[in-house]
């Protein structure tokens, strides 16, 4: 059975914090393009997804620190774990070995995104709204 492709679903994925929602839409757009990319374009798109994810996580991390988000430790650890996985796969991608990175993007990333957004990011968005830091 083929896993579901990654797609942004307004009803499930919109958190009500404009910056987070825009960043998540961009992440999903990149991940979806990467999942369908041919071998020639995969390395470039993978690099774009990696760079986007670094910036995405750095921005969230900064907001968590600035607003003293109570669950910051767990959330930071999850960002570090996923960024570590993406970075490790990037070494293989740059060496022309695409199979494992392709499988990660197609099979692991969609489920991780849904769960992370529904739990950790939803809690962060609620916190940001509570402290008035949604602008």
Protein backbone atom coordinates (compact mmCIF):
# COMPACT_ATOMS: atom_id res chain seq x y z
CA UNK A 1 0.00 0.00 0.00
CA UNK A 2 1.40 3.37 -1.03
CA UNK A 3 1.59 5.94 1.79
CA UNK A 4 -0.50 9.08 1.48
CA UNK A 5 1.31 11.94 -0.20
CA UNK A 6 2.07 14.94 1.92
CA UNK A 7 -0.52 17.68 1.39
CA UNK A 8 -1.59 20.76 3.31
CA UNK A 9 -5.14 20.35 4.58
CA UNK A 10 -6.59 23.67 5.77
CA UNK A 11 -8.96 22.01 8.22
CA UNK A 12 -6.26 19.92 9.90
CA UNK A 13 -3.11 22.00 9.44
CA UNK A 14 -4.08 25.65 9.90
CA UNK A 15 -3.05 26.74 13.39
CA UNK A 16 -4.20 30.36 13.32
CA UNK A 17 -0.71 31.86 13.58
CA UNK A 18 -0.05 33.40 10.17
CA UNK A 19 3.74 33.00 10.17
CA UNK A 20 3.55 29.35 11.24
CA UNK A 21 0.79 28.57 8.74
CA UNK A 22 2.75 30.16 5.85
CA UNK A 23 5.93 28.30 6.83
CA UNK A 24 4.07 24.98 7.08
CA UNK A 25 2.45 25.52 3.67
CA UNK A 26 5.87 26.19 2.14
CA UNK A 27 7.31 23.08 3.84
CA UNK A 28 4.50 20.90 2.49
CA UNK A 29 4.83 22.39 -1.01
CA UNK A 30 8.57 21.60 -1.04
CA UNK A 31 8.12 18.12 0.41
CA UNK A 32 5.37 17.27 -2.09
CA UNK A 33 7.51 18.44 -5.03
CA UNK A 34 10.44 16.46 -3.68
CA UNK A 35 8.34 13.30 -3.34
CA UNK A 36 7.56 13.49 -7.07
CA UNK A 37 10.95 14.75 -8.28
CA UNK A 38 12.96 12.86 -10.86
CA UNK A 39 16.56 11.88 -10.12
CA UNK A 40 17.95 14.95 -11.88
CA UNK A 41 16.03 17.47 -9.78
CA UNK A 42 15.87 15.56 -6.49
CA UNK A 43 19.25 16.74 -5.10
CA UNK A 44 18.48 20.42 -5.70
CA UNK A 45 15.00 20.18 -4.22
CA UNK A 46 16.33 18.19 -1.27
CA UNK A 47 18.80 20.99 -0.57
CA UNK A 48 15.95 23.51 -0.70
CA UNK A 49 13.88 21.45 1.73
CA UNK A 50 16.85 21.14 4.10
CA UNK A 51 17.54 24.90 4.01
CA UNK A 52 13.85 25.71 4.47
CA UNK A 53 13.59 23.31 7.42
CA UNK A 54 16.65 24.85 9.10
CA UNK A 55 15.10 28.33 8.79
CA UNK A 56 11.65 27.05 9.80
CA UNK A 57 12.95 25.39 12.96
CA UNK A 58 15.24 28.31 13.85
CA UNK A 59 12.29 30.73 13.64
CA UNK A 60 10.09 28.49 15.79
CA UNK A 61 12.92 27.93 18.27
CA UNK A 62 13.43 31.69 18.59
CA UNK A 63 9.71 32.27 19.18
CA UNK A 64 9.64 29.55 21.84
CA UNK A 65 12.59 31.13 23.65
CA UNK A 66 11.24 34.69 23.34
CA UNK A 67 7.85 33.72 24.78
CA UNK A 68 9.15 31.21 27.33
CA UNK A 69 7.16 28.32 25.91
CA UNK A 70 6.82 25.75 28.73
CA UNK A 71 7.35 22.66 26.52
CA UNK A 72 10.42 24.09 24.77
CA UNK A 73 12.80 21.25 25.65
CA UNK A 74 10.80 18.49 23.98
CA UNK A 75 10.01 20.66 20.96
CA UNK A 76 13.66 21.69 20.47
CA UNK A 77 14.76 18.07 20.76
CA UNK A 78 12.28 17.04 18.08
CA UNK A 79 13.54 19.78 15.75
CA UNK A 80 17.14 18.66 16.32
CA UNK A 81 16.24 15.02 15.68
CA UNK A 82 14.46 15.69 12.38
CA UNK A 83 17.10 18.17 11.20
CA UNK A 84 19.74 15.55 12.03
CA UNK A 85 17.92 12.97 9.92
CA UNK A 86 17.54 15.37 7.00
CA UNK A 87 21.23 16.32 7.24
CA UNK A 88 22.36 12.69 7.34
CA UNK A 89 20.28 11.82 4.29
CA UNK A 90 21.67 14.90 2.51
CA UNK A 91 25.16 13.39 2.59
CA UNK A 92 23.84 10.39 0.66
CA UNK A 93 21.87 12.60 -1.73
CA UNK A 94 24.95 14.69 -2.52
CA UNK A 95 26.86 11.45 -3.23
CA UNK A 96 24.16 10.41 -5.73
CA UNK A 97 22.51 7.82 -3.48
CA UNK A 98 18.86 8.88 -3.51
CA UNK A 99 16.93 5.76 -2.53
CA UNK A 100 16.89 6.14 1.27
CA UNK A 101 16.26 9.89 1.18
CA UNK A 102 13.46 9.35 -1.33
CA UNK A 103 11.87 6.73 0.94
CA UNK A 104 12.20 9.06 3.96
CA UNK A 105 10.49 11.91 2.13
CA UNK A 106 7.67 9.71 0.84
CA UNK A 107 7.11 7.39 3.80
CA UNK A 108 8.27 9.06 7.01
CA UNK A 109 7.98 12.82 6.52
CA UNK A 110 4.19 13.00 5.88
CA UNK A 111 3.29 11.13 9.09
CA UNK A 112 5.88 13.02 11.11
CA UNK A 113 4.55 16.37 9.83
CA UNK A 114 0.94 15.52 10.69
CA UNK A 115 1.81 14.34 14.19
CA UNK A 116 4.27 17.15 14.95
CA UNK A 117 1.83 19.80 13.77
CA UNK A 118 -1.16 18.30 15.62
CA UNK A 119 0.74 18.02 18.89
CA UNK A 120 3.84 20.16 19.35
CA UNK A 121 3.09 22.96 16.88
CA UNK A 122 -0.57 23.16 17.92
CA UNK A 123 0.53 23.59 21.54
CA UNK A 124 3.02 26.27 20.51
CA UNK A 125 0.37 28.11 18.47
CA UNK A 126 -2.04 28.04 21.42
CA UNK A 127 0.71 29.42 23.66
CA UNK A 128 1.54 32.19 21.18
CA UNK A 129 -2.13 33.19 20.98
CA UNK A 130 -2.38 33.13 24.79
CA UNK A 131 0.60 35.45 25.24
CA UNK A 132 -0.37 37.69 22.32
CA UNK A 133 2.65 36.81 20.19
CA UNK A 134 0.91 35.88 16.94
CA UNK A 135 1.99 38.90 14.87
